[in-house]
C-alpha atoms as a PDB file:
ATOM      1  CA  MET A   1      14.749 -63.202 -21.178  1.00  0.00           C
ATOM      2  CA  LEU A   2      12.678 -63.126 -18.281  1.00  0.00           C
ATOM      3  CA  THR A   3      10.521 -65.803 -17.550  1.00  0.00           C
ATOM      4  CA  GLU A   4       6.470 -64.634 -17.370  1.00  0.00           C
ATOM      5  CA  ARG A   5       6.804 -65.860 -13.983  1.00  0.00           C
ATOM      6  CA  GLN A   6       9.417 -64.016 -13.116  1.00  0.00           C
ATOM      7  CA  LEU A   7       8.184 -60.545 -14.493  1.00  0.00           C
ATOM      8  CA  PHE A   8       5.006 -61.581 -12.496  1.00  0.00           C
ATOM      9  CA  LEU A   9       7.424 -62.007  -9.364  1.00  0.00           C
ATOM     10  CA  LEU A  10       8.851 -58.834 -10.543  1.00  0.00           C
ATOM     11  CA  ARG A  11       6.248 -56.505 -10.510  1.00  0.00           C
ATOM     12  CA  ALA A  12       4.129 -57.886  -7.276  1.00  0.00           C
ATOM     13  CA  LEU A  13       7.466 -57.147  -5.010  1.00  0.00           C
ATOM     14  CA  VAL A  14       7.688 -54.040  -6.495  1.00  0.00           C
ATOM     15  CA  ASP A  15       3.993 -52.959  -5.915  1.00  0.00           C
ATOM     16  CA  ASP A  16       4.417 -54.510  -2.411  1.00  0.00           C
ATOM     17  CA  TYR A  17       7.706 -52.295  -1.986  1.00  0.00           C
ATOM     18  CA  ILE A  18       6.179 -49.084  -2.985  1.00  0.00           C
ATOM     19  CA  SER A  19       3.216 -50.034  -0.643  1.00  0.00           C
ATOM     20  CA  THR A  20       5.031 -51.071   2.424  1.00  0.00           C
ATOM     21  CA  ALA A  21       8.543 -49.215   2.325  1.00  0.00           C
ATOM     22  CA  GLU A  22       9.533 -52.597   3.625  1.00  0.00           C
ATOM     23  CA  PRO A  23      11.761 -55.320   1.920  1.00  0.00           C
ATOM     24  CA  VAL A  24       9.918 -58.166   0.635  1.00  0.00           C
ATOM     25  CA  GLY A  25      10.282 -61.863   1.670  1.00  0.00           C
ATOM     26  CA  SER A  26       9.347 -65.242  -1.013  1.00  0.00           C
ATOM     27  CA  ARG A  27       6.739 -65.868   1.996  1.00  0.00           C
ATOM     28  CA  ALA A  28       5.011 -62.385   1.924  1.00  0.00           C
ATOM     29  CA  ILE A  29       4.297 -62.652  -2.118  1.00  0.00           C
ATOM     30  CA  ALA A  30       3.459 -66.680  -1.116  1.00  0.00           C
ATOM     31  CA  LYS A  31       0.459 -65.230   0.412  1.00  0.00           C
ATOM     32  CA  ARG A  32      -0.789 -62.716  -2.003  1.00  0.00           C
ATOM     33  CA  GLU A  33      -3.959 -63.773  -3.873  1.00  0.00           C
ATOM     34  CA  ASP A  34      -3.306 -63.213  -6.711  1.00  0.00           C
ATOM     35  CA  VAL A  35      -0.381 -66.085  -6.095  1.00  0.00           C
ATOM     36  CA  ASN A  36      -0.137 -69.824  -6.802  1.00  0.00           C
ATOM     37  CA  TYR A  37       3.537 -70.427  -6.527  1.00  0.00           C
ATOM     38  CA  SER A  38       4.997 -72.057  -3.686  1.00  0.00           C
ATOM     39  CA  PRO A  39       7.649 -70.003  -1.785  1.00  0.00           C
ATOM     40  CA  ALA A  40      10.542 -72.422  -2.205  1.00  0.00           C
ATOM     41  CA  THR A  41       9.588 -71.516  -6.135  1.00  0.00           C
ATOM     42  CA  ILE A  42       9.424 -67.730  -5.837  1.00  0.00           C
ATOM     43  CA  ARG A  43      12.384 -68.042  -3.274  1.00  0.00           C
ATOM     44  CA  ASN A  44      14.085 -69.476  -6.572  1.00  0.00           C
ATOM     45  CA  ASP A  45      13.444 -66.657  -9.050  1.00  0.00           C
ATOM     46  CA  LEU A  46      13.738 -64.356  -6.500  1.00  0.00           C
ATOM     47  CA  ALA A  47      17.221 -65.105  -6.273  1.00  0.00           C
ATOM     48  CA  ASP A  48      17.882 -65.460 -10.035  1.00  0.00           C
ATOM     49  CA  LEU A  49      15.967 -61.237 -10.553  1.00  0.00           C
ATOM     50  CA  GLU A  50      18.949 -60.377  -8.220  1.00  0.00           C
ATOM     51  CA  GLU A  51      21.160 -62.102  -9.791  1.00  0.00           C
ATOM     52  CA  MET A  52      20.291 -60.532 -12.606  1.00  0.00           C
ATOM     53  CA  GLY A  53      20.465 -56.743 -11.059  1.00  0.00           C
ATOM     54  CA  PHE A  54      16.756 -56.407 -10.839  1.00  0.00           C
ATOM     55  CA  LEU A  55      16.697 -56.757  -7.091  1.00  0.00           C
ATOM     56  CA  GLU A  56      18.888 -55.784  -4.180  1.00  0.00           C
ATOM     57  CA  LYS A  57      19.247 -57.234  -0.826  1.00  0.00           C
ATOM     58  CA  THR A  58      18.926 -55.490   2.730  1.00  0.00           C
ATOM     59  CA  HIS A  59      21.481 -55.953   5.144  1.00  0.00           C
ATOM     60  CA  THR A  60      18.648 -55.641   7.994  1.00  0.00           C
ATOM     61  CA  SER A  61      16.426 -58.532   6.419  1.00  0.00           C
ATOM     62  CA  SER A  62      15.727 -61.598   4.512  1.00  0.00           C
ATOM     63  CA  GLY A  63      13.443 -59.608   1.816  1.00  0.00           C
ATOM     64  CA  ARG A  64      14.926 -57.924  -1.477  1.00  0.00           C
ATOM     65  CA  ILE A  65      14.344 -54.171  -2.952  1.00  0.00           C
ATOM     66  CA  PRO A  66      13.867 -53.543  -5.955  1.00  0.00           C
ATOM     67  CA  SER A  67      17.025 -51.910  -8.099  1.00  0.00           C
ATOM     68  CA  GLU A  68      17.316 -49.162  -9.802  1.00  0.00           C
ATOM     69  CA  LYS A  69      17.598 -51.471 -13.190  1.00  0.00           C
ATOM     70  CA  GLY A  70      14.220 -53.066 -11.793  1.00  0.00           C
ATOM     71  CA  TYR A  71      12.573 -49.660 -11.472  1.00  0.00           C
ATOM     72  CA  ARG A  72      13.978 -49.023 -14.642  1.00  0.00           C
ATOM     73  CA  PHE A  73      12.708 -52.270 -15.935  1.00  0.00           C
ATOM     74  CA  TYR A  74       9.319 -52.294 -14.231  1.00  0.00           C
ATOM     75  CA  VAL A  75       8.573 -49.063 -15.727  1.00  0.00           C
ATOM     76  CA  ASP A  76       9.335 -49.247 -19.121  1.00  0.00           C
ATOM     77  CA  HIS A  77       7.549 -52.879 -19.356  1.00  0.00           C
ATOM     78  CA  LEU A  78       5.442 -53.915 -16.434  1.00  0.00           C
ATOM     79  CA  VAL A  79       3.420 -50.553 -15.417  1.00  0.00           C
ATOM     80  CA  SER A  80      -0.161 -50.724 -16.472  1.00  0.00           C
ATOM     81  CA  PRO A  81      -2.338 -47.669 -16.470  1.00  0.00           C
ATOM     82  CA  VAL A  82      -4.653 -46.414 -13.394  1.00  0.00           C
ATOM     83  CA  LEU A  83      -7.543 -44.731 -13.664  1.00  0.00           C
ATOM     84  CA  LEU A  84      -7.528 -41.575 -11.296  1.00  0.00           C
ATOM     85  CA  THR A  85     -11.560 -41.779  -9.211  1.00  0.00           C
ATOM     86  CA  ALA A  86     -14.381 -39.515 -10.088  1.00  0.00           C
ATOM     87  CA  ARG A  87     -13.927 -37.517  -7.190  1.00  0.00           C
ATOM     88  CA  GLU A  88     -10.388 -37.379  -8.267  1.00  0.00           C
ATOM     89  CA  MET A  89     -10.809 -36.278 -11.511  1.00  0.00           C
ATOM     90  CA  GLN A  90     -13.831 -33.730 -10.465  1.00  0.00           C
ATOM     91  CA  SER A  91     -11.269 -32.019  -8.166  1.00  0.00           C
ATOM     92  CA  ILE A  92      -8.898 -31.808 -11.017  1.00  0.00           C
ATOM     93  CA  LYS A  93     -11.562 -30.417 -13.253  1.00  0.00           C
ATOM     94  CA  LYS A  94     -12.746 -27.700 -10.562  1.00  0.00           C
ATOM     95  CA  ALA A  95      -9.530 -26.458 -10.157  1.00  0.00           C
ATOM     96  CA  PHE A  96      -8.594 -26.124 -13.785  1.00  0.00           C
ATOM     97  CA  THR A  97     -12.460 -24.776 -14.190  1.00  0.00           C
ATOM     98  CA  ASP A  98     -11.708 -22.062 -11.576  1.00  0.00           C
ATOM     99  CA  MET A  99      -8.337 -21.060 -12.862  1.00  0.00           C
ATOM    100  CA  TYR A 100      -9.197 -17.927 -14.645  1.00  0.00           C
ATOM    101  CA  TYR A 101      -6.056 -15.639 -14.160  1.00  0.00           C
ATOM    102  CA  GLU A 102      -2.797 -15.066 -15.462  1.00  0.00           C
ATOM    103  CA  VAL A 103      -0.458 -17.871 -16.525  1.00  0.00           C
ATOM    104  CA  GLU A 104       1.966 -17.604 -13.873  1.00  0.00           C
ATOM    105  CA  LYS A 105      -1.124 -18.016 -11.253  1.00  0.00           C
ATOM    106  CA  VAL A 106      -2.233 -21.003 -13.225  1.00  0.00           C
ATOM    107  CA  ILE A 107       1.141 -22.871 -13.350  1.00  0.00           C
ATOM    108  CA  GLN A 108       1.715 -21.780  -9.574  1.00  0.00           C
ATOM    109  CA  GLU A 109      -1.583 -23.721  -8.758  1.00  0.00           C
ATOM    110  CA  THR A 110      -0.545 -26.554 -11.065  1.00  0.00           C
ATOM    111  CA  ALA A 111       2.538 -27.305  -8.797  1.00  0.00           C
ATOM    112  CA  LYS A 112      -0.004 -27.562  -5.175  1.00  0.00           C
ATOM    113  CA  ILE A 113      -2.507 -29.510  -6.987  1.00  0.00           C
ATOM    114  CA  MET A 114       0.491 -32.003  -8.435  1.00  0.00           C
ATOM    115  CA  SER A 115       1.323 -31.684  -4.933  1.00  0.00           C
ATOM    116  CA  ASP A 116      -1.868 -32.455  -2.698  1.00  0.00           C
ATOM    117  CA  PHE A 117      -2.307 -35.251  -5.412  1.00  0.00           C
ATOM    118  CA  THR A 118       0.754 -37.134  -4.752  1.00  0.00           C
ATOM    119  CA  ASN A 119       1.864 -36.255  -1.686  1.00  0.00           C
ATOM    120  CA  TYR A 120       5.493 -35.579  -3.296  1.00  0.00           C
ATOM    121  CA  THR A 121       7.114 -32.237  -3.701  1.00  0.00           C
ATOM    122  CA  ALA A 122       5.955 -30.782  -7.183  1.00  0.00           C
ATOM    123  CA  ILE A 123       7.376 -28.212  -9.496  1.00  0.00           C
ATOM    124  CA  ALA A 124       6.008 -26.274 -11.955  1.00  0.00           C
ATOM    125  CA  MET A 125       8.488 -23.995 -14.360  1.00  0.00           C
ATOM    126  CA  GLY A 126       6.795 -21.282 -16.087  1.00  0.00           C
ATOM    127  CA  PRO A 127       7.275 -20.808 -19.778  1.00  0.00           C
ATOM    128  CA  GLU A 128      10.454 -20.268 -21.229  1.00  0.00           C
ATOM    129  CA  LEU A 129      11.554 -16.694 -22.195  1.00  0.00           C
ATOM    130  CA  ASN A 130      12.005 -17.904 -25.771  1.00  0.00           C
ATOM    131  CA  ASP A 131       8.997 -18.694 -26.364  1.00  0.00           C
ATOM    132  CA  THR A 132       7.691 -15.167 -24.539  1.00  0.00           C
ATOM    133  CA  LYS A 133       7.481 -11.821 -26.162  1.00  0.00           C
ATOM    134  CA  LEU A 134       6.305  -8.347 -24.882  1.00  0.00           C
ATOM    135  CA  LYS A 135       3.038  -7.914 -25.568  1.00  0.00           C
ATOM    136  CA  HIS A 136       2.403  -4.176 -23.281  1.00  0.00           C
ATOM    137  CA  ILE A 137       4.091  -1.967 -20.965  1.00  0.00           C
ATOM    138  CA  GLN A 138       2.201   0.823 -19.050  1.00  0.00           C
ATOM    139  CA  ILE A 139       4.452   2.978 -16.403  1.00  0.00           C
ATOM    140  CA  ILE A 140       1.787   4.243 -13.242  1.00  0.00           C
ATOM    141  CA  GLN A 141       3.205   7.248 -11.442  1.00  0.00           C
ATOM    142  CA  LEU A 142       3.076   6.796  -8.190  1.00  0.00           C
ATOM    143  CA  ASN A 143       4.603  10.029  -6.556  1.00  0.00           C
ATOM    144  CA  ALA A 144       7.533  12.409  -7.943  1.00  0.00           C
ATOM    145  CA  GLU A 145       9.987   9.478  -6.764  1.00  0.00           C
ATOM    146  CA  LYS A 146       8.522   6.738  -7.396  1.00  0.00           C
ATOM    147  CA  ALA A 147       5.859   4.767 -10.363  1.00  0.00           C
ATOM    148  CA  ILE A 148       4.829   1.224 -10.770  1.00  0.00           C
ATOM    149  CA  MET A 149       5.950  -0.416 -14.247  1.00  0.00           C
ATOM    150  CA  ILE A 150       3.467  -3.324 -15.184  1.00  0.00           C
ATOM    151  CA  ILE A 151       4.250  -5.515 -17.616  1.00  0.00           C
ATOM    152  CA  VAL A 152       2.377  -7.853 -20.054  1.00  0.00           C
ATOM    153  CA  THR A 153       3.528 -11.120 -21.905  1.00  0.00           C
ATOM    154  CA  ASP A 154       1.938 -12.872 -25.004  1.00  0.00           C
ATOM    155  CA  THR A 155       1.991 -15.535 -22.883  1.00  0.00           C
ATOM    156  CA  GLY A 156      -0.614 -13.918 -20.253  1.00  0.00           C
ATOM    157  CA  HIS A 157       2.349 -13.126 -17.591  1.00  0.00           C
ATOM    158  CA  VAL A 158       1.604  -9.826 -15.585  1.00  0.00           C
ATOM    159  CA  GLU A 159       4.467  -8.551 -13.891  1.00  0.00           C
ATOM    160  CA  SER A 160       4.275  -5.249 -11.218  1.00  0.00           C
ATOM    161  CA  ARG A 161       7.776  -4.051 -10.763  1.00  0.00           C
ATOM    162  CA  THR A 162       8.505  -0.442  -8.436  1.00  0.00           C
ATOM    163  CA  ILE A 163      10.595   1.426 -10.486  1.00  0.00           C
ATOM    164  CA  SER A 164      12.587   4.723  -8.921  1.00  0.00           C
ATOM    165  CA  LEU A 165      12.191   7.775 -11.373  1.00  0.00           C
ATOM    166  CA  PRO A 166      14.803  10.356 -12.275  1.00  0.00           C
ATOM    167  CA  LYS A 167      14.566  13.859 -10.550  1.00  0.00           C
ATOM    168  CA  LYS A 168      12.576  16.093 -12.147  1.00  0.00           C
ATOM    169  CA  VAL A 169      11.116  13.630 -14.419  1.00  0.00           C
ATOM    170  CA  SER A 170       7.795  15.276 -15.992  1.00  0.00           C
ATOM    171  CA  ALA A 171       4.737  13.298 -16.757  1.00  0.00           C
ATOM    172  CA  ARG A 172       5.206  14.483 -20.386  1.00  0.00           C
ATOM    173  CA  ASP A 173       8.469  12.298 -20.295  1.00  0.00           C
ATOM    174  CA  ILE A 174       6.657   9.454 -18.789  1.00  0.00           C
ATOM    175  CA  GLU A 175       4.147   9.144 -21.457  1.00  0.00           C
ATOM    176  CA  LYS A 176       6.518   9.476 -24.148  1.00  0.00           C
ATOM    177  CA  LEU A 177       8.481   6.639 -22.580  1.00  0.00           C
ATOM    178  CA  ILE A 178       5.676   4.796 -22.521  1.00  0.00           C
ATOM    179  CA  ASN A 179       4.672   5.369 -26.143  1.00  0.00           C
ATOM    180  CA  ILE A 180       8.432   4.727 -27.332  1.00  0.00           C
ATOM    181  CA  LEU A 181       8.530   1.486 -25.559  1.00  0.00           C
ATOM    182  CA  ASN A 182       5.156   0.283 -26.621  1.00  0.00           C
ATOM    183  CA  GLN A 183       5.751   0.922 -30.246  1.00  0.00           C
ATOM    184  CA  LYS A 184       9.314  -0.464 -30.454  1.00  0.00           C
ATOM    185  CA  LEU A 185       9.400  -3.681 -28.158  1.00  0.00           C
ATOM    186  CA  LYS A 186       6.254  -4.694 -29.228  1.00  0.00           C
ATOM    187  CA  ASN A 187       6.271  -8.630 -30.265  1.00  0.00           C
ATOM    188  CA  VAL A 188      10.059  -8.606 -29.076  1.00  0.00           C
ATOM    189  CA  PRO A 189      11.329 -11.734 -27.212  1.00  0.00           C
ATOM    190  CA  VAL A 190      11.566 -11.009 -23.143  1.00  0.00           C
ATOM    191  CA  PHE A 191      15.180 -12.357 -23.084  1.00  0.00           C
ATOM    192  CA  GLN A 192      16.301  -9.732 -26.202  1.00  0.00           C
ATOM    193  CA  LEU A 193      14.591  -6.370 -24.556  1.00  0.00           C
ATOM    194  CA  LYS A 194      17.460  -5.338 -23.356  1.00  0.00           C
ATOM    195  CA  THR A 195      19.118  -5.529 -26.449  1.00  0.00           C
ATOM    196  CA  LYS A 196      16.998  -3.926 -27.893  1.00  0.00           C
ATOM    197  CA  ILE A 197      16.845  -0.845 -25.810  1.00  0.00           C
ATOM    198  CA  GLU A 198      20.815  -0.770 -26.302  1.00  0.00           C
ATOM    199  CA  LYS A 199      21.001  -1.091 -29.521  1.00  0.00           C
ATOM    200  CA  GLU A 200      18.073   1.063 -30.776  1.00  0.00           C
ATOM    201  CA  ILE A 201      15.816   2.690 -28.143  1.00  0.00           C
ATOM    202  CA  LYS A 202      18.972   4.562 -26.315  1.00  0.00           C
ATOM    203  CA  LYS A 203      19.059   6.566 -29.453  1.00  0.00           C
ATOM    204  CA  VAL A 204      15.782   7.716 -29.436  1.00  0.00           C
ATOM    205  CA  LEU A 205      15.460   8.163 -25.432  1.00  0.00           C
ATOM    206  CA  ASN A 206      18.316  10.707 -26.119  1.00  0.00           C
ATOM    207  CA  LYS A 207      16.415  13.040 -28.924  1.00  0.00           C
ATOM    208  CA  HIS A 208      12.648  12.740 -26.967  1.00  0.00           C
ATOM    209  CA  ILE A 209      13.477  12.730 -23.051  1.00  0.00           C
ATOM    210  CA  GLU A 210      15.694  14.446 -20.107  1.00  0.00           C
ATOM    211  CA  ASN A 211      17.370  12.380 -17.992  1.00  0.00           C
ATOM    212  CA  TYR A 212      17.681   9.677 -20.598  1.00  0.00           C
ATOM    213  CA  GLU A 213      20.802   7.842 -19.361  1.00  0.00           C
ATOM    214  CA  GLN A 214      19.024   7.633 -15.816  1.00  0.00           C
ATOM    215  CA  ILE A 215      16.220   6.136 -17.471  1.00  0.00           C
ATOM    216  CA  LEU A 216      17.774   3.829 -19.313  1.00  0.00           C
ATOM    217  CA  SER A 217      19.812   2.218 -16.169  1.00  0.00           C
ATOM    218  CA  ILE A 218      15.930   2.176 -14.624  1.00  0.00           C
ATOM    219  CA  LEU A 219      14.935   0.050 -17.675  1.00  0.00           C
ATOM    220  CA  ASP A 220      18.112  -1.907 -17.825  1.00  0.00           C
ATOM    221  CA  GLU A 221      17.008  -3.441 -13.768  1.00  0.00           C
ATOM    222  CA  ALA A 222      12.972  -3.282 -14.466  1.00  0.00           C
ATOM    223  CA  LEU A 223      13.557  -5.614 -17.353  1.00  0.00           C
ATOM    224  CA  SER A 224      15.740  -8.324 -16.263  1.00  0.00           C
ATOM    225  CA  TYR A 225      14.405 -11.657 -16.359  1.00  0.00           C
ATOM    226  CA  HIS A 226      15.299 -15.046 -15.227  1.00  0.00           C
ATOM    227  CA  PRO A 227      14.131 -18.079 -15.375  1.00  0.00           C
ATOM    228  CA  LEU A 228      14.568 -19.000 -12.164  1.00  0.00           C
ATOM    229  CA  ASP A 229      11.405 -16.522 -11.254  1.00  0.00           C
ATOM    230  CA  GLN A 230       8.981 -19.055 -12.890  1.00  0.00           C
ATOM    231  CA  ILE A 231       9.843 -21.878 -10.827  1.00  0.00           C
ATOM    232  CA  TYR A 232       6.826 -22.853  -8.378  1.00  0.00           C
ATOM    233  CA  TYR A 233       7.104 -25.699  -5.628  1.00  0.00           C
ATOM    234  CA  GLY A 234       4.287 -27.241  -4.511  1.00  0.00           C
ATOM    235  CA  GLY A 235       4.715 -29.418  -1.104  1.00  0.00           C
ATOM    236  CA  LYS A 236       8.222 -28.787  -1.494  1.00  0.00           C
ATOM    237  CA  ASN A 237       8.978 -30.720   2.261  1.00  0.00           C
ATOM    238  CA  ASN A 238       6.401 -33.399   0.815  1.00  0.00           C
ATOM    239  CA  ILE A 239       9.184 -36.116  -0.016  1.00  0.00           C
ATOM    240  CA  LEU A 240      10.932 -35.467   3.450  1.00  0.00           C
ATOM    241  CA  ALA A 241       8.528 -37.046   5.487  1.00  0.00           C
ATOM    242  CA  GLN A 242       9.155 -40.280   3.369  1.00  0.00           C
ATOM    243  CA  PRO A 243      10.505 -43.027   5.653  1.00  0.00           C
ATOM    244  CA  GLU A 244      13.915 -43.517   3.092  1.00  0.00           C
ATOM    245  CA  PHE A 245      14.493 -40.047   3.965  1.00  0.00           C
ATOM    246  CA  ARG A 246      14.693 -39.866   7.862  1.00  0.00           C
ATOM    247  CA  ASP A 247      18.549 -40.419   7.507  1.00  0.00           C
ATOM    248  CA  VAL A 248      19.841 -37.180   8.324  1.00  0.00           C
ATOM    249  CA  ASP A 249      22.674 -37.706   5.708  1.00  0.00           C
ATOM    250  CA  LYS A 250      19.794 -38.309   2.904  1.00  0.00           C
ATOM    251  CA  PHE A 251      17.548 -35.490   4.209  1.00  0.00           C
ATOM    252  CA  LEU A 252      19.701 -32.747   4.156  1.00  0.00           C
ATOM    253  CA  PRO A 253      21.385 -32.984   0.484  1.00  0.00           C
ATOM    254  CA  LEU A 254      18.146 -33.332  -0.979  1.00  0.00           C
ATOM    255  CA  LEU A 255      16.803 -30.319   1.266  1.00  0.00           C
ATOM    256  CA  ASN A 256      19.278 -28.180  -0.185  1.00  0.00           C
ATOM    257  CA  ALA A 257      18.757 -28.941  -3.392  1.00  0.00           C
ATOM    258  CA  LEU A 258      15.343 -28.281  -3.510  1.00  0.00           C
ATOM    259  CA  GLU A 259      16.633 -24.568  -2.051  1.00  0.00           C
ATOM    260  CA  GLU A 260      18.862 -24.454  -5.442  1.00  0.00           C
ATOM    261  CA  LYS A 261      16.992 -22.902  -8.008  1.00  0.00           C
ATOM    262  CA  GLU A 262      19.660 -23.114 -10.537  1.00  0.00           C
ATOM    263  CA  THR A 263      20.051 -26.624  -9.590  1.00  0.00           C
ATOM    264  CA  ILE A 264      16.377 -27.754 -10.000  1.00  0.00           C
ATOM    265  CA  TYR A 265      16.241 -25.446 -13.380  1.00  0.00           C
ATOM    266  CA  GLU A 266      19.022 -27.253 -15.003  1.00  0.00           C
ATOM    267  CA  LEU A 267      17.459 -30.612 -13.641  1.00  0.00           C
ATOM    268  CA  LEU A 268      14.011 -30.171 -15.356  1.00  0.00           C
ATOM    269  CA  ARG A 269      14.576 -27.288 -18.361  1.00  0.00           C
ATOM    270  CA  SER A 270      13.469 -28.549 -21.958  1.00  0.00           C
ATOM    271  CA  PRO A 271      12.759 -32.415 -21.601  1.00  0.00           C
ATOM    272  CA  SER A 272      11.210 -34.352 -24.451  1.00  0.00           C
ATOM    273  CA  SER A 273       7.730 -34.194 -25.244  1.00  0.00           C
ATOM    274  CA  GLY A 274       4.947 -36.458 -23.318  1.00  0.00           C
ATOM    275  CA  ILE A 275       5.828 -38.334 -19.561  1.00  0.00           C
ATOM    276  CA  ASN A 276      10.028 -38.550 -19.271  1.00  0.00           C
ATOM    277  CA  ILE A 277      11.192 -41.108 -15.706  1.00  0.00           C
ATOM    278  CA  LYS A 278      14.589 -41.093 -14.455  1.00  0.00           C
ATOM    279  CA  ILE A 279      15.390 -43.005 -11.829  1.00  0.00           C
ATOM    280  CA  GLY A 280      18.249 -42.308  -9.060  1.00  0.00           C
ATOM    281  CA  HIS A 281      20.924 -41.697 -11.029  1.00  0.00           C
ATOM    282  CA  GLU A 282      19.858 -41.076 -14.039  1.00  0.00           C
ATOM    283  CA  ASN A 283      19.455 -37.665 -12.738  1.00  0.00           C
ATOM    284  CA  ASN A 284      22.979 -36.832 -12.917  1.00  0.00           C
ATOM    285  CA  LEU A 285      22.496 -34.973  -9.499  1.00  0.00           C
ATOM    286  CA  VAL A 286      23.997 -36.964  -6.255  1.00  0.00           C
ATOM    287  CA  ALA A 287      21.502 -35.092  -3.699  1.00  0.00           C
ATOM    288  CA  ILE A 288      18.757 -36.597  -5.204  1.00  0.00           C
ATOM    289  CA  LYS A 289      20.270 -40.224  -6.367  1.00  0.00           C
ATOM    290  CA  ASP A 290      17.470 -42.187  -3.980  1.00  0.00           C
ATOM    291  CA  CYS A 291      14.534 -39.947  -6.043  1.00  0.00           C
ATOM    292  CA  SER A 292      12.631 -40.594  -9.143  1.00  0.00           C
ATOM    293  CA  VAL A 293      11.854 -37.336 -11.058  1.00  0.00           C
ATOM    294  CA  ILE A 294       8.510 -38.012 -13.370  1.00  0.00           C
ATOM    295  CA  THR A 295       8.094 -34.718 -15.911  1.00  0.00           C
ATOM    296  CA  ALA A 296       5.746 -33.160 -18.440  1.00  0.00           C
ATOM    297  CA  SER A 297       5.837 -30.632 -20.564  1.00  0.00           C
ATOM    298  CA  TYR A 298       2.800 -28.201 -21.681  1.00  0.00           C
ATOM    299  CA  SER A 299       2.239 -26.430 -24.968  1.00  0.00           C
ATOM    300  CA  MET A 300       0.127 -23.535 -26.379  1.00  0.00           C
ATOM    301  CA  GLY A 301      -0.951 -23.631 -29.426  1.00  0.00           C
ATOM    302  CA  GLY A 302       1.549 -26.369 -30.782  1.00  0.00           C
ATOM    303  CA  GLU A 303       4.520 -24.838 -29.028  1.00  0.00           C
ATOM    304  CA  HIS A 304       6.171 -25.883 -26.277  1.00  0.00           C
ATOM    305  CA  MET A 305       5.666 -23.568 -23.344  1.00  0.00           C
ATOM    306  CA  GLY A 306       6.993 -25.375 -20.139  1.00  0.00           C
ATOM    307  CA  THR A 307       7.608 -28.148 -17.730  1.00  0.00           C
ATOM    308  CA  VAL A 308       5.653 -29.986 -14.594  1.00  0.00           C
ATOM    309  CA  ALA A 309       7.947 -32.235 -12.285  1.00  0.00           C
ATOM    310  CA  VAL A 310       6.741 -34.611  -9.643  1.00  0.00           C
ATOM    311  CA  ILE A 311      10.161 -35.743  -6.879  1.00  0.00           C
ATOM    312  CA  GLY A 312       9.621 -37.987  -4.790  1.00  0.00           C
ATOM    313  CA  PRO A 313      11.263 -41.470  -3.578  1.00  0.00           C
ATOM    314  CA  THR A 314      12.643 -43.896  -6.057  1.00  0.00           C
ATOM    315  CA  ARG A 315       9.957 -46.311  -4.157  1.00  0.00           C
ATOM    316  CA  MET A 316       7.554 -43.753  -5.695  1.00  0.00           C
ATOM    317  CA  ALA A 317       4.093 -45.022  -6.691  1.00  0.00           C
ATOM    318  CA  TYR A 318       4.517 -44.824 -10.595  1.00  0.00           C
ATOM    319  CA  PRO A 319       1.483 -46.028 -12.082  1.00  0.00           C
ATOM    320  CA  ARG A 320      -0.451 -43.179 -10.365  1.00  0.00           C
ATOM    321  CA  VAL A 321       1.602 -40.612 -10.205  1.00  0.00           C
ATOM    322  CA  ILE A 322       2.223 -40.945 -14.737  1.00  0.00           C
ATOM    323  CA  THR A 323      -1.639 -40.862 -14.912  1.00  0.00           C
ATOM    324  CA  LEU A 324      -1.510 -37.751 -13.119  1.00  0.00           C
ATOM    325  CA  MET A 325       0.760 -36.318 -14.766  1.00  0.00           C
ATOM    326  CA  GLU A 326      -0.409 -36.899 -18.209  1.00  0.00           C
ATOM    327  CA  VAL A 327      -4.068 -35.909 -16.736  1.00  0.00           C
ATOM    328  CA  ILE A 328      -2.248 -32.595 -15.559  1.00  0.00           C
ATOM    329  CA  SER A 329      -0.494 -31.910 -18.609  1.00  0.00           C
ATOM    330  CA  ARG A 330      -3.586 -32.248 -21.185  1.00  0.00           C
ATOM    331  CA  LYS A 331      -5.714 -29.635 -18.374  1.00  0.00           C
ATOM    332  CA  LEU A 332      -2.379 -27.378 -18.626  1.00  0.00           C
ATOM    333  CA  THR A 333      -2.449 -26.899 -22.358  1.00  0.00           C
ATOM    334  CA  HIS A 334      -5.994 -26.930 -22.901  1.00  0.00           C
ATOM    335  CA  LEU A 335      -6.340 -24.305 -20.276  1.00  0.00           C
ATOM    336  CA  LEU A 336      -3.680 -22.184 -21.449  1.00  0.00           C
ATOM    337  CA  THR A 337      -4.972 -22.177 -25.020  1.00  0.00           C
ATOM    338  CA  GLU A 338      -8.280 -21.733 -24.083  1.00  0.00           C
ATOM    339  CA  LEU A 339      -7.050 -18.156 -22.402  1.00  0.00           C
ATOM    340  CA  TYR A 340      -4.499 -16.996 -24.733  1.00  0.00           C
END
């Protein structure tokens, strides 16, 4: 059980280290305007906090830095909400007011907003496929060999893909294909489209369309969705500008991890609702053992849709980032609910 003074000093040390990125000594804390304790008293309490595992001593300085246990205690018990400035709130409000396009553009812009406001790396994951259903398919023939397939989902996601047409396919066959697909696939979950085509639509196409086997092959490729396509970055290299990552042995593994969307997807997928914070080794990924990851979910119609995240050093400005994530999550949920 920490004393009131130890709680105060732990918070002061974490705040100072977050601000300066330099180990904090007892004399530095004693000089703070809100501190009335002597350097000796502070030194004794800091030694006790180190012994309890909340602080660590560096080899290059007599000062101390927070341990992962210290950061966890700070986040769970000592962080106080901060208010974003009126200008910041106005900027966020304007950014979301200007978003009137399809959902993937909204998610992509959200990642940029988060990175701009935190100077860390931001990631936004689009709607999970389990919650996404097909709304409409359109095929626009460009010439005898090429066409554009436009796919629209119930979440507002719009995607266009160039497809190759079988030889001698007629405009009438294309019209039949569009009608069959929209009749049979509307409201089918996106991840079930290929199965639905194989089990049901294949027989219908065989009856009504020539070269149906070639068309099936085209549909199989065109309707392939992968959740990795729904991951958007903002300020991917921002975190690499932090002083913690000047060491190439820390820099390269982190950079490689950020480039691997499979890794990021597994790291961020399906968190519990609200704000979630994982510090250092809590992320179960060696490459980001010196990072903290803060995630927030967003929803539409009360249903979980996706995740936004900020990745920064364990020396992250937690109060500000937590507040920003709460605001962004609410704004994103409100916007998507209004749009769709």
